[in-house]
C-alpha atoms as a PDB file:
ATOM      1  CA  MET A   1      37.037 -76.281  -5.572  1.00  0.00           C
ATOM      2  CA  ASN A   2      39.379 -78.875  -5.920  1.00  0.00           C
ATOM      3  CA  GLN A   3      39.899 -81.323  -2.477  1.00  0.00           C
ATOM      4  CA  LYS A   4      43.398 -80.268  -2.350  1.00  0.00           C
ATOM      5  CA  GLU A   5      41.804 -76.849  -0.728  1.00  0.00           C
ATOM      6  CA  TRP A   6      40.021 -79.379   2.123  1.00  0.00           C
ATOM      7  CA  GLU A   7      43.666 -80.604   3.306  1.00  0.00           C
ATOM      8  CA  ASN A   8      45.474 -80.033   6.251  1.00  0.00           C
ATOM      9  CA  GLY A   9      49.605 -79.825   6.002  1.00  0.00           C
ATOM     10  CA  SER A  10      49.472 -83.191   6.054  1.00  0.00           C
ATOM     11  CA  GLY A  11      47.079 -83.929   3.322  1.00  0.00           C
ATOM     12  CA  TYR A  12      44.803 -84.807   5.309  1.00  0.00           C
ATOM     13  CA  TYR A  13      41.268 -84.249   4.767  1.00  0.00           C
ATOM     14  CA  ASP A  14      40.268 -81.367   7.123  1.00  0.00           C
ATOM     15  CA  PRO A  15      37.194 -79.370   5.923  1.00  0.00           C
ATOM     16  CA  THR A  16      37.111 -77.475   9.203  1.00  0.00           C
ATOM     17  CA  ALA A  17      40.287 -75.360   8.919  1.00  0.00           C
ATOM     18  CA  TYR A  18      39.106 -74.697   5.417  1.00  0.00           C
ATOM     19  CA  HIS A  19      35.944 -73.110   6.738  1.00  0.00           C
ATOM     20  CA  ALA A  20      38.087 -71.703   9.051  1.00  0.00           C
ATOM     21  CA  ILE A  21      40.137 -69.594   7.289  1.00  0.00           C
ATOM     22  CA  LYS A  22      37.749 -69.512   4.314  1.00  0.00           C
ATOM     23  CA  ASN A  23      35.479 -67.614   6.811  1.00  0.00           C
ATOM     24  CA  ALA A  24      38.257 -65.545   9.080  1.00  0.00           C
ATOM     25  CA  SER A  25      37.952 -62.385   6.192  1.00  0.00           C
ATOM     26  CA  TYR A  26      33.991 -62.264   6.257  1.00  0.00           C
ATOM     27  CA  LEU A  27      32.102 -58.801   6.545  1.00  0.00           C
ATOM     28  CA  PRO A  28      28.693 -58.717   6.885  1.00  0.00           C
ATOM     29  CA  ILE A  29      27.477 -55.603   4.701  1.00  0.00           C
ATOM     30  CA  VAL A  30      25.068 -53.665   6.541  1.00  0.00           C
ATOM     31  CA  TYR A  31      23.502 -50.481   4.199  1.00  0.00           C
ATOM     32  CA  ILE A  32      23.372 -46.844   5.875  1.00  0.00           C
ATOM     33  CA  CYS A  33      19.746 -45.480   5.778  1.00  0.00           C
ATOM     34  CA  SER A  34      20.567 -41.588   6.274  1.00  0.00           C
ATOM     35  CA  PRO A  35      19.146 -38.705   4.266  1.00  0.00           C
ATOM     36  CA  TYR A  36      20.551 -37.078   1.329  1.00  0.00           C
ATOM     37  CA  SER A  37      18.131 -34.556   0.381  1.00  0.00           C
ATOM     38  CA  GLY A  38      17.719 -30.663   2.087  1.00  0.00           C
ATOM     39  CA  ASP A  39      20.615 -29.661   3.227  1.00  0.00           C
ATOM     40  CA  VAL A  40      22.854 -32.201   1.326  1.00  0.00           C
ATOM     41  CA  GLU A  41      26.154 -30.686   2.471  1.00  0.00           C
ATOM     42  CA  VAL A  42      25.508 -31.485   6.303  1.00  0.00           C
ATOM     43  CA  ASN A  43      23.295 -35.103   5.424  1.00  0.00           C
ATOM     44  CA  THR A  44      26.288 -36.273   3.125  1.00  0.00           C
ATOM     45  CA  GLN A  45      29.226 -35.508   5.893  1.00  0.00           C
ATOM     46  CA  LEU A  46      26.407 -37.300   8.491  1.00  0.00           C
ATOM     47  CA  ALA A  47      26.518 -40.205   5.870  1.00  0.00           C
ATOM     48  CA  ARG A  48      29.968 -40.426   6.108  1.00  0.00           C
ATOM     49  CA  GLN A  49      30.418 -40.115   9.708  1.00  0.00           C
ATOM     50  CA  TYR A  50      27.498 -43.259   9.873  1.00  0.00           C
ATOM     51  CA  SER A  51      29.784 -45.095   7.266  1.00  0.00           C
ATOM     52  CA  ARG A  52      32.895 -44.848   9.632  1.00  0.00           C
ATOM     53  CA  PHE A  53      31.012 -46.172  12.456  1.00  0.00           C
ATOM     54  CA  ALA A  54      29.332 -48.844  10.736  1.00  0.00           C
ATOM     55  CA  LEU A  55      33.035 -49.272   9.432  1.00  0.00           C
ATOM     56  CA  ASP A  56      34.479 -49.300  13.001  1.00  0.00           C
ATOM     57  CA  LYS A  57      32.204 -52.234  13.942  1.00  0.00           C
ATOM     58  CA  GLY A  58      33.517 -54.512  11.706  1.00  0.00           C
ATOM     59  CA  THR A  59      30.725 -54.663   8.510  1.00  0.00           C
ATOM     60  CA  LEU A  60      31.422 -53.187   5.022  1.00  0.00           C
ATOM     61  CA  PRO A  61      29.382 -50.668   4.834  1.00  0.00           C
ATOM     62  CA  ILE A  62      27.340 -49.711   1.928  1.00  0.00           C
ATOM     63  CA  ALA A  63      25.547 -45.793   1.462  1.00  0.00           C
ATOM     64  CA  PRO A  64      24.263 -45.499  -2.097  1.00  0.00           C
ATOM     65  CA  HIS A  65      23.401 -42.486  -1.279  1.00  0.00           C
ATOM     66  CA  LEU A  66      26.894 -41.175  -1.228  1.00  0.00           C
ATOM     67  CA  LEU A  67      28.439 -42.617  -4.663  1.00  0.00           C
ATOM     68  CA  PHE A  68      25.106 -41.762  -6.805  1.00  0.00           C
ATOM     69  CA  PRO A  69      24.842 -38.250  -6.270  1.00  0.00           C
ATOM     70  CA  GLN A  70      28.738 -38.464  -8.254  1.00  0.00           C
ATOM     71  CA  PHE A  71      26.876 -39.242 -11.153  1.00  0.00           C
ATOM     72  CA  MET A  72      23.719 -38.745 -11.405  1.00  0.00           C
ATOM     73  CA  ASN A  73      21.118 -35.398 -10.809  1.00  0.00           C
ATOM     74  CA  ASP A  74      19.226 -36.043  -7.717  1.00  0.00           C
ATOM     75  CA  LEU A  75      17.091 -33.199  -8.502  1.00  0.00           C
ATOM     76  CA  ASP A  76      15.880 -34.840 -12.441  1.00  0.00           C
ATOM     77  CA  VAL A  77      13.004 -36.788 -11.135  1.00  0.00           C
ATOM     78  CA  GLU A  78      13.873 -40.165 -13.518  1.00  0.00           C
ATOM     79  CA  GLU A  79      17.174 -39.736 -12.247  1.00  0.00           C
ATOM     80  CA  ARG A  80      16.229 -40.006  -8.649  1.00  0.00           C
ATOM     81  CA  GLN A  81      13.757 -42.610  -9.714  1.00  0.00           C
ATOM     82  CA  HIS A  82      16.703 -44.792 -11.206  1.00  0.00           C
ATOM     83  CA  ALA A  83      18.659 -44.418  -8.077  1.00  0.00           C
ATOM     84  CA  MET A  84      15.922 -44.951  -6.078  1.00  0.00           C
ATOM     85  CA  ARG A  85      15.528 -48.443  -7.559  1.00  0.00           C
ATOM     86  CA  MET A  86      19.909 -48.738  -7.294  1.00  0.00           C
ATOM     87  CA  ASN A  87      19.337 -48.649  -3.998  1.00  0.00           C
ATOM     88  CA  LEU A  88      16.681 -51.197  -4.013  1.00  0.00           C
ATOM     89  CA  ILE A  89      19.097 -53.422  -5.441  1.00  0.00           C
ATOM     90  CA  LEU A  90      21.517 -53.219  -3.043  1.00  0.00           C
ATOM     91  CA  LEU A  91      19.953 -53.404   0.017  1.00  0.00           C
ATOM     92  CA  GLY A  92      18.967 -56.681  -1.686  1.00  0.00           C
ATOM     93  CA  ARG A  93      22.281 -57.595  -1.435  1.00  0.00           C
ATOM     94  CA  CYS A  94      22.868 -56.729   2.185  1.00  0.00           C
ATOM     95  CA  GLU A  95      22.118 -58.339   5.687  1.00  0.00           C
ATOM     96  CA  GLU A  96      21.661 -55.856   7.951  1.00  0.00           C
ATOM     97  CA  LEU A  97      19.594 -52.594   7.400  1.00  0.00           C
ATOM     98  CA  TRP A  98      20.521 -49.358   9.613  1.00  0.00           C
ATOM     99  CA  VAL A  99      18.775 -46.597  10.035  1.00  0.00           C
ATOM    100  CA  PHE A 100      20.777 -43.245  11.163  1.00  0.00           C
ATOM    101  CA  GLY A 101      18.790 -40.325  12.276  1.00  0.00           C
ATOM    102  CA  ASP A 102      15.440 -39.252  13.761  1.00  0.00           C
ATOM    103  CA  GLU A 103      13.531 -37.575  10.622  1.00  0.00           C
ATOM    104  CA  LEU A 104      13.084 -40.104   7.655  1.00  0.00           C
ATOM    105  CA  SER A 105      13.311 -38.859   4.019  1.00  0.00           C
ATOM    106  CA  GLU A 106      10.936 -40.468   1.439  1.00  0.00           C
ATOM    107  CA  GLY A 107      13.568 -42.166   0.242  1.00  0.00           C
ATOM    108  CA  MET A 108      14.425 -43.483   3.721  1.00  0.00           C
ATOM    109  CA  ARG A 109      10.896 -45.443   3.731  1.00  0.00           C
ATOM    110  CA  GLN A 110      10.927 -46.370   1.240  1.00  0.00           C
ATOM    111  CA  GLU A 111      14.410 -48.651   2.364  1.00  0.00           C
ATOM    112  CA  ILE A 112      12.580 -49.681   5.606  1.00  0.00           C
ATOM    113  CA  LYS A 113       9.801 -50.449   3.639  1.00  0.00           C
ATOM    114  CA  ARG A 114      12.240 -52.702   1.834  1.00  0.00           C
ATOM    115  CA  ALA A 115      13.851 -54.036   4.352  1.00  0.00           C
ATOM    116  CA  GLN A 116      10.564 -55.120   6.570  1.00  0.00           C
ATOM    117  CA  HIS A 117       8.883 -57.211   3.454  1.00  0.00           C
ATOM    118  CA  ARG A 118      12.194 -58.753   3.732  1.00  0.00           C
ATOM    119  CA  ASN A 119      12.016 -59.314   6.727  1.00  0.00           C
ATOM    120  CA  MET A 120      16.462 -57.996   7.168  1.00  0.00           C
ATOM    121  CA  MET A 121      17.483 -56.915  10.601  1.00  0.00           C
ATOM    122  CA  ILE A 122      16.550 -53.086  10.907  1.00  0.00           C
ATOM    123  CA  ARG A 123      18.924 -50.839  13.834  1.00  0.00           C
ATOM    124  CA  TRP A 124      18.199 -47.761  14.640  1.00  0.00           C
ATOM    125  CA  PHE A 125      20.475 -45.713  15.462  1.00  0.00           C
ATOM    126  CA  ASN A 126      20.534 -41.845  16.993  1.00  0.00           C
ATOM    127  CA  GLN A 127      22.318 -38.502  14.937  1.00  0.00           C
ATOM    128  CA  ASP A 128      25.121 -39.946  17.765  1.00  0.00           C
ATOM    129  CA  CYS A 129      25.302 -43.349  16.766  1.00  0.00           C
ATOM    130  CA  GLN A 130      23.697 -44.635  19.642  1.00  0.00           C
ATOM    131  CA  GLU A 131      21.495 -47.598  18.798  1.00  0.00           C
ATOM    132  CA  VAL A 132      17.899 -46.719  20.238  1.00  0.00           C
ATOM    133  CA  ASN A 133      14.626 -48.755  20.098  1.00  0.00           C
ATOM    134  CA  ARG A 134      11.746 -48.030  17.411  1.00  0.00           C
END
């Protein structure tokens, strides 16, 4: 970063304005945790709705279970394990974990356990996107 970025329109040093402008485009990244396996069609549609809900709340939602099945086979044990490793890597880049629904799949349990280990903020929502206490 050069000194010019820290200067205001009059050429004076002004880090406050620089940081305000820089942070104006900030969106917290949240990991969307919801079931995928089982009724894949319904669970995929719900994950889309949960992601839209998070977007409307001013976040950048990450839902790997909407992405990875596009090119990986969830029924192949090795590919599923690899996808779960990638999920946990992405989770580490997020600020919060948002858990949706009443039932927890094994994959969701792994994601929650990792988030707890990292002392991440975990928020719980029912299937209707209403926040609940856990």
